[in-house]
Amino acid sequence: QVQLVESGGGLVQAGGSLRLSCAASGRSFSIHFMAWYRQSPGKQRELVAGITSSGSTNYADSVKDRFTISRDNAKNTVYLQMNSLKSEDTAVYYCNAVAYSGTYLNFWGQGTQVTVSS
């Protein structure tokens, strides 16, 4: 098993910034892909940003040019720097990791609340 522990959520005013962190621990699987998803009430969970082990990234259109995902492979930690936050960014943010151990395995963090006040 891989445990994902998120931190960095909270309450911020519109236009402000937050940085989320997600540290992976547990069995030494090869983690290929890490990502941040978010879910707000009444909506489906959506991909916010993802990053491969080689550093390739992808972003949802709604966060491009505002959010930056990065990764420290040595620490098995992924970060999400969120700038110019908007009220519509309010959601529970979940860390995701895809690892490989003979087959692909999907792991989730417990989620961290981000609330942007207008």
N, C-alpha and C. Protein backbone atom coordinates (compact mmCIF):
# COMPACT_ATOMS: atom_id res chain seq x y z
N GLN A 1 0.84 -1.20 0.00
CA GLN A 1 0.00 0.00 0.00
C GLN A 1 0.87 1.25 0.00
N VAL A 2 0.31 2.30 -0.58
CA VAL A 2 0.94 3.61 -0.56
C VAL A 2 0.00 4.55 0.18
N GLN A 3 0.53 5.27 1.16
CA GLN A 3 -0.27 6.26 1.87
C GLN A 3 0.08 7.65 1.33
N LEU A 4 -0.95 8.44 1.11
CA LEU A 4 -0.78 9.80 0.61
C LEU A 4 -1.31 10.76 1.68
N VAL A 5 -0.46 11.66 2.12
CA VAL A 5 -0.85 12.62 3.15
C VAL A 5 -0.76 14.03 2.57
N GLU A 6 -1.92 14.69 2.51
CA GLU A 6 -1.99 16.04 1.95
C GLU A 6 -1.91 17.08 3.05
N SER A 7 -1.43 18.24 2.70
CA SER A 7 -1.41 19.37 3.62
C SER A 7 -1.42 20.66 2.82
N GLY A 8 -1.76 21.76 3.50
CA GLY A 8 -1.69 23.07 2.86
C GLY A 8 -3.01 23.70 2.50
N GLY A 9 -4.11 23.00 2.69
CA GLY A 9 -5.41 23.60 2.39
C GLY A 9 -5.77 24.65 3.42
N GLY A 10 -6.86 25.37 3.15
CA GLY A 10 -7.30 26.38 4.09
C GLY A 10 -8.21 27.39 3.45
N LEU A 11 -8.36 28.51 4.14
CA LEU A 11 -9.24 29.60 3.69
C LEU A 11 -8.36 30.74 3.19
N VAL A 12 -8.69 31.25 2.02
CA VAL A 12 -7.92 32.35 1.43
C VAL A 12 -8.88 33.26 0.69
N GLN A 13 -8.53 34.53 0.61
CA GLN A 13 -9.34 35.47 -0.15
C GLN A 13 -9.09 35.32 -1.64
N ALA A 14 -10.07 35.69 -2.42
CA ALA A 14 -9.92 35.67 -3.87
C ALA A 14 -8.70 36.50 -4.27
N GLY A 15 -7.94 35.95 -5.21
CA GLY A 15 -6.71 36.61 -5.63
C GLY A 15 -5.48 36.14 -4.88
N GLY A 16 -5.70 35.43 -3.80
CA GLY A 16 -4.60 34.95 -2.98
C GLY A 16 -3.99 33.66 -3.50
N SER A 17 -3.07 33.11 -2.70
CA SER A 17 -2.34 31.91 -3.10
C SER A 17 -2.34 30.88 -1.98
N LEU A 18 -2.23 29.63 -2.37
CA LEU A 18 -2.03 28.52 -1.46
C LEU A 18 -1.11 27.51 -2.12
N ARG A 19 -0.41 26.75 -1.30
CA ARG A 19 0.43 25.67 -1.82
C ARG A 19 0.05 24.38 -1.12
N LEU A 20 -0.37 23.40 -1.91
CA LEU A 20 -0.70 22.09 -1.39
C LEU A 20 0.49 21.15 -1.55
N SER A 21 0.63 20.26 -0.58
CA SER A 21 1.69 19.24 -0.63
C SER A 21 1.06 17.88 -0.43
N CYS A 22 1.67 16.88 -1.03
CA CYS A 22 1.21 15.51 -0.87
C CYS A 22 2.43 14.61 -0.82
N ALA A 23 2.61 13.96 0.32
CA ALA A 23 3.76 13.08 0.50
C ALA A 23 3.30 11.62 0.45
N ALA A 24 3.99 10.84 -0.35
CA ALA A 24 3.68 9.41 -0.48
C ALA A 24 4.64 8.61 0.38
N SER A 25 4.09 7.63 1.08
CA SER A 25 4.93 6.75 1.91
C SER A 25 4.36 5.33 1.87
N GLY A 26 5.12 4.40 2.38
CA GLY A 26 4.67 3.02 2.39
C GLY A 26 5.58 2.16 1.54
N ARG A 27 5.01 1.16 0.92
CA ARG A 27 5.80 0.25 0.10
C ARG A 27 6.47 1.01 -1.03
N SER A 28 7.63 0.58 -1.39
CA SER A 28 8.43 1.30 -2.39
C SER A 28 8.01 0.93 -3.80
N PHE A 29 6.74 1.21 -4.11
CA PHE A 29 6.31 1.05 -5.48
C PHE A 29 6.95 2.11 -6.34
N SER A 30 7.00 1.84 -7.62
CA SER A 30 7.44 2.86 -8.57
C SER A 30 6.22 3.71 -8.91
N ILE A 31 6.24 4.95 -8.45
CA ILE A 31 5.11 5.85 -8.70
C ILE A 31 5.33 6.56 -10.02
N HIS A 32 4.48 6.27 -10.96
CA HIS A 32 4.65 6.80 -12.31
C HIS A 32 4.02 8.17 -12.48
N PHE A 33 2.89 8.36 -11.87
CA PHE A 33 2.10 9.55 -12.14
C PHE A 33 1.51 10.04 -10.83
N MET A 34 1.56 11.34 -10.62
CA MET A 34 0.91 11.94 -9.46
C MET A 34 0.06 13.10 -9.93
N ALA A 35 -1.02 13.32 -9.24
CA ALA A 35 -1.95 14.34 -9.72
C ALA A 35 -2.76 14.91 -8.57
N TRP A 36 -3.39 16.03 -8.85
CA TRP A 36 -4.35 16.64 -7.95
C TRP A 36 -5.71 16.65 -8.66
N TYR A 37 -6.71 16.20 -7.94
CA TYR A 37 -8.09 16.28 -8.37
C TYR A 37 -8.84 17.18 -7.38
N ARG A 38 -10.00 17.62 -7.76
CA ARG A 38 -10.84 18.37 -6.82
C ARG A 38 -12.31 18.03 -7.04
N GLN A 39 -13.05 18.21 -5.97
CA GLN A 39 -14.48 17.94 -6.03
C GLN A 39 -15.22 18.95 -5.16
N SER A 40 -16.18 19.61 -5.76
CA SER A 40 -17.02 20.55 -5.01
C SER A 40 -18.41 19.94 -4.92
N PRO A 41 -19.23 20.40 -3.97
CA PRO A 41 -20.55 19.81 -3.75
C PRO A 41 -21.40 19.77 -5.01
N GLY A 42 -21.95 18.61 -5.29
CA GLY A 42 -22.82 18.46 -6.44
C GLY A 42 -22.12 18.27 -7.76
N LYS A 43 -20.79 18.25 -7.73
CA LYS A 43 -20.03 18.09 -8.97
C LYS A 43 -19.18 16.84 -8.92
N GLN A 44 -18.82 16.37 -10.11
CA GLN A 44 -17.94 15.22 -10.19
C GLN A 44 -16.50 15.62 -9.87
N ARG A 45 -15.74 14.65 -9.41
CA ARG A 45 -14.31 14.89 -9.18
C ARG A 45 -13.64 15.13 -10.53
N GLU A 46 -12.81 16.16 -10.58
CA GLU A 46 -12.16 16.51 -11.83
C GLU A 46 -10.65 16.62 -11.64
N LEU A 47 -9.94 16.29 -12.72
CA LEU A 47 -8.49 16.42 -12.70
C LEU A 47 -8.11 17.89 -12.77
N VAL A 48 -7.26 18.31 -11.86
CA VAL A 48 -6.76 19.68 -11.86
C VAL A 48 -5.42 19.76 -12.58
N ALA A 49 -4.50 18.88 -12.17
CA ALA A 49 -3.16 18.88 -12.77
C ALA A 49 -2.50 17.55 -12.49
N GLY A 50 -1.65 17.11 -13.42
CA GLY A 50 -0.93 15.87 -13.24
C GLY A 50 0.51 16.01 -13.70
N ILE A 51 1.36 15.12 -13.18
CA ILE A 51 2.78 15.17 -13.54
C ILE A 51 3.33 13.75 -13.55
N THR A 52 4.09 13.44 -14.58
CA THR A 52 4.70 12.12 -14.68
C THR A 52 6.04 12.11 -13.93
N SER A 53 6.62 10.93 -13.82
CA SER A 53 7.90 10.82 -13.13
C SER A 53 9.01 11.55 -13.87
N SER A 54 8.83 11.76 -15.17
CA SER A 54 9.83 12.48 -15.96
C SER A 54 9.58 13.97 -15.99
N GLY A 55 8.47 14.42 -15.39
CA GLY A 55 8.21 15.85 -15.28
C GLY A 55 7.23 16.44 -16.28
N SER A 56 6.65 15.61 -17.13
CA SER A 56 5.64 16.12 -18.04
C SER A 56 4.37 16.46 -17.27
N THR A 57 3.77 17.58 -17.62
CA THR A 57 2.61 18.05 -16.86
C THR A 57 1.40 18.26 -17.77
N ASN A 58 0.23 18.22 -17.16
CA ASN A 58 -0.98 18.61 -17.85
C ASN A 58 -1.91 19.29 -16.85
N TYR A 59 -2.72 20.21 -17.35
CA TYR A 59 -3.58 21.02 -16.51
C TYR A 59 -4.99 21.10 -17.08
N ALA A 60 -5.95 21.24 -16.19
CA ALA A 60 -7.29 21.58 -16.63
C ALA A 60 -7.26 22.99 -17.19
N ASP A 61 -8.07 23.24 -18.20
CA ASP A 61 -8.09 24.58 -18.82
C ASP A 61 -8.40 25.67 -17.80
N SER A 62 -9.23 25.35 -16.82
CA SER A 62 -9.67 26.36 -15.86
C SER A 62 -8.56 26.83 -14.92
N VAL A 63 -7.45 26.09 -14.86
CA VAL A 63 -6.38 26.47 -13.93
C VAL A 63 -5.07 26.80 -14.63
N LYS A 64 -5.04 26.63 -15.94
CA LYS A 64 -3.81 26.94 -16.68
C LYS A 64 -3.40 28.37 -16.42
N ASP A 65 -2.11 28.60 -16.30
CA ASP A 65 -1.50 29.91 -16.05
C ASP A 65 -1.74 30.43 -14.64
N ARG A 66 -2.46 29.67 -13.80
CA ARG A 66 -2.65 30.06 -12.41
C ARG A 66 -2.05 29.03 -11.46
N PHE A 67 -2.15 27.76 -11.80
CA PHE A 67 -1.67 26.69 -10.94
C PHE A 67 -0.42 26.06 -11.54
N THR A 68 0.48 25.61 -10.67
CA THR A 68 1.68 24.92 -11.12
C THR A 68 1.88 23.66 -10.29
N ILE A 69 2.00 22.53 -10.97
CA ILE A 69 2.28 21.28 -10.29
C ILE A 69 3.76 20.97 -10.41
N SER A 70 4.34 20.46 -9.33
CA SER A 70 5.75 20.08 -9.35
C SER A 70 5.92 18.84 -8.49
N ARG A 71 7.09 18.25 -8.61
CA ARG A 71 7.28 16.95 -7.97
C ARG A 71 8.73 16.81 -7.54
N ASP A 72 8.92 16.24 -6.36
CA ASP A 72 10.24 15.88 -5.86
C ASP A 72 10.28 14.36 -5.80
N ASN A 73 10.89 13.75 -6.80
CA ASN A 73 10.88 12.29 -6.87
C ASN A 73 11.64 11.65 -5.70
N ALA A 74 12.68 12.32 -5.24
CA ALA A 74 13.47 11.77 -4.14
C ALA A 74 12.63 11.67 -2.86
N LYS A 75 11.70 12.61 -2.71
CA LYS A 75 10.84 12.63 -1.53
C LYS A 75 9.46 12.05 -1.80
N ASN A 76 9.22 11.61 -3.03
CA ASN A 76 7.89 11.12 -3.41
C ASN A 76 6.81 12.11 -2.98
N THR A 77 7.05 13.35 -3.29
CA THR A 77 6.13 14.42 -2.89
C THR A 77 5.74 15.23 -4.12
N VAL A 78 4.47 15.58 -4.18
CA VAL A 78 3.97 16.42 -5.25
C VAL A 78 3.38 17.68 -4.63
N TYR A 79 3.54 18.79 -5.34
CA TYR A 79 3.07 20.08 -4.85
C TYR A 79 2.12 20.70 -5.88
N LEU A 80 1.23 21.54 -5.39
CA LEU A 80 0.37 22.31 -6.26
C LEU A 80 0.39 23.75 -5.77
N GLN A 81 1.05 24.60 -6.53
CA GLN A 81 1.06 26.03 -6.22
C GLN A 81 -0.13 26.67 -6.91
N MET A 82 -1.00 27.27 -6.12
CA MET A 82 -2.23 27.85 -6.64
C MET A 82 -2.19 29.36 -6.44
N ASN A 83 -2.18 30.08 -7.54
CA ASN A 83 -2.15 31.55 -7.50
C ASN A 83 -3.44 32.11 -8.10
N SER A 84 -3.68 33.37 -7.83
CA SER A 84 -4.86 34.05 -8.38
C SER A 84 -6.12 33.23 -8.15
N LEU A 85 -6.30 32.79 -6.94
CA LEU A 85 -7.43 31.90 -6.65
C LEU A 85 -8.76 32.61 -6.81
N LYS A 86 -9.73 31.83 -7.27
CA LYS A 86 -11.07 32.32 -7.51
C LYS A 86 -12.05 31.55 -6.64
N SER A 87 -13.23 32.09 -6.44
CA SER A 87 -14.22 31.41 -5.62
C SER A 87 -14.57 30.05 -6.21
N GLU A 88 -14.52 29.94 -7.52
CA GLU A 88 -14.85 28.65 -8.16
C GLU A 88 -13.78 27.59 -7.96
N ASP A 89 -12.64 27.96 -7.37
CA ASP A 89 -11.62 26.97 -7.03
C ASP A 89 -11.92 26.29 -5.70
N THR A 90 -12.95 26.77 -5.00
CA THR A 90 -13.32 26.16 -3.73
C THR A 90 -13.74 24.71 -3.94
N ALA A 91 -13.10 23.81 -3.21
CA ALA A 91 -13.35 22.38 -3.37
C ALA A 91 -12.50 21.61 -2.37
N VAL A 92 -12.78 20.32 -2.29
CA VAL A 92 -11.86 19.42 -1.60
C VAL A 92 -10.86 18.93 -2.65
N TYR A 93 -9.60 19.09 -2.36
CA TYR A 93 -8.54 18.69 -3.28
C TYR A 93 -7.95 17.36 -2.83
N TYR A 94 -7.85 16.43 -3.77
CA TYR A 94 -7.37 15.09 -3.49
C TYR A 94 -6.07 14.82 -4.25
N CYS A 95 -5.14 14.22 -3.57
CA CYS A 95 -3.91 13.77 -4.19
C CYS A 95 -4.12 12.35 -4.73
N ASN A 96 -3.54 12.10 -5.89
CA ASN A 96 -3.65 10.79 -6.52
C ASN A 96 -2.28 10.33 -6.96
N ALA A 97 -2.03 9.04 -6.81
CA ALA A 97 -0.77 8.47 -7.28
C ALA A 97 -1.06 7.18 -8.02
N VAL A 98 -0.42 7.02 -9.14
CA VAL A 98 -0.53 5.78 -9.92
C VAL A 98 0.83 5.11 -9.86
N ALA A 99 0.85 3.90 -9.29
CA ALA A 99 2.09 3.17 -9.11
C ALA A 99 2.05 1.89 -9.91
N TYR A 100 3.23 1.32 -10.13
CA TYR A 100 3.29 0.09 -10.90
C TYR A 100 4.02 -0.97 -10.07
N SER A 101 3.36 -2.13 -9.93
CA SER A 101 3.97 -3.28 -9.27
C SER A 101 3.42 -4.53 -9.91
N GLY A 102 3.82 -4.73 -11.16
CA GLY A 102 3.26 -5.84 -11.92
C GLY A 102 1.96 -5.46 -12.59
N THR A 103 1.25 -4.56 -11.98
CA THR A 103 0.04 -3.98 -12.54
C THR A 103 -0.05 -2.55 -12.03
N TYR A 104 -0.91 -1.75 -12.67
CA TYR A 104 -1.04 -0.37 -12.23
C TYR A 104 -1.98 -0.29 -11.04
N LEU A 105 -1.58 0.45 -10.04
CA LEU A 105 -2.34 0.61 -8.81
C LEU A 105 -2.64 2.09 -8.59
N ASN A 106 -3.83 2.37 -8.11
CA ASN A 106 -4.31 3.74 -7.95
C ASN A 106 -4.51 4.03 -6.47
N PHE A 107 -3.92 5.11 -5.99
CA PHE A 107 -4.04 5.47 -4.58
C PHE A 107 -4.55 6.91 -4.44
N TRP A 108 -5.29 7.15 -3.34
CA TRP A 108 -5.88 8.46 -3.09
C TRP A 108 -5.54 8.94 -1.69
N GLY A 109 -5.38 10.24 -1.56
CA GLY A 109 -5.27 10.85 -0.25
C GLY A 109 -6.66 11.09 0.34
N GLN A 110 -6.68 11.61 1.56
CA GLN A 110 -7.95 11.81 2.27
C GLN A 110 -8.63 13.11 1.88
N GLY A 111 -7.91 13.98 1.20
CA GLY A 111 -8.50 15.24 0.75
C GLY A 111 -8.19 16.38 1.70
N THR A 112 -8.06 17.58 1.13
CA THR A 112 -7.85 18.78 1.93
C THR A 112 -8.74 19.89 1.38
N GLN A 113 -9.41 20.59 2.27
CA GLN A 113 -10.38 21.60 1.87
C GLN A 113 -9.67 22.90 1.50
N VAL A 114 -10.05 23.44 0.35
CA VAL A 114 -9.61 24.77 -0.07
C VAL A 114 -10.85 25.62 -0.23
N THR A 115 -10.91 26.71 0.49
CA THR A 115 -12.04 27.62 0.42
C THR A 115 -11.56 29.00 0.05
N VAL A 116 -12.12 29.53 -1.04
CA VAL A 116 -11.73 30.86 -1.52
C VAL A 116 -12.92 31.79 -1.30
N SER A 117 -12.71 32.79 -0.50
CA SER A 117 -13.79 33.74 -0.22
C SER A 117 -13.71 34.93 -1.18
N SER A 118 -14.87 35.36 -1.63
CA SER A 118 -14.91 36.47 -2.60
C SER A 118 -15.12 37.80 -1.90
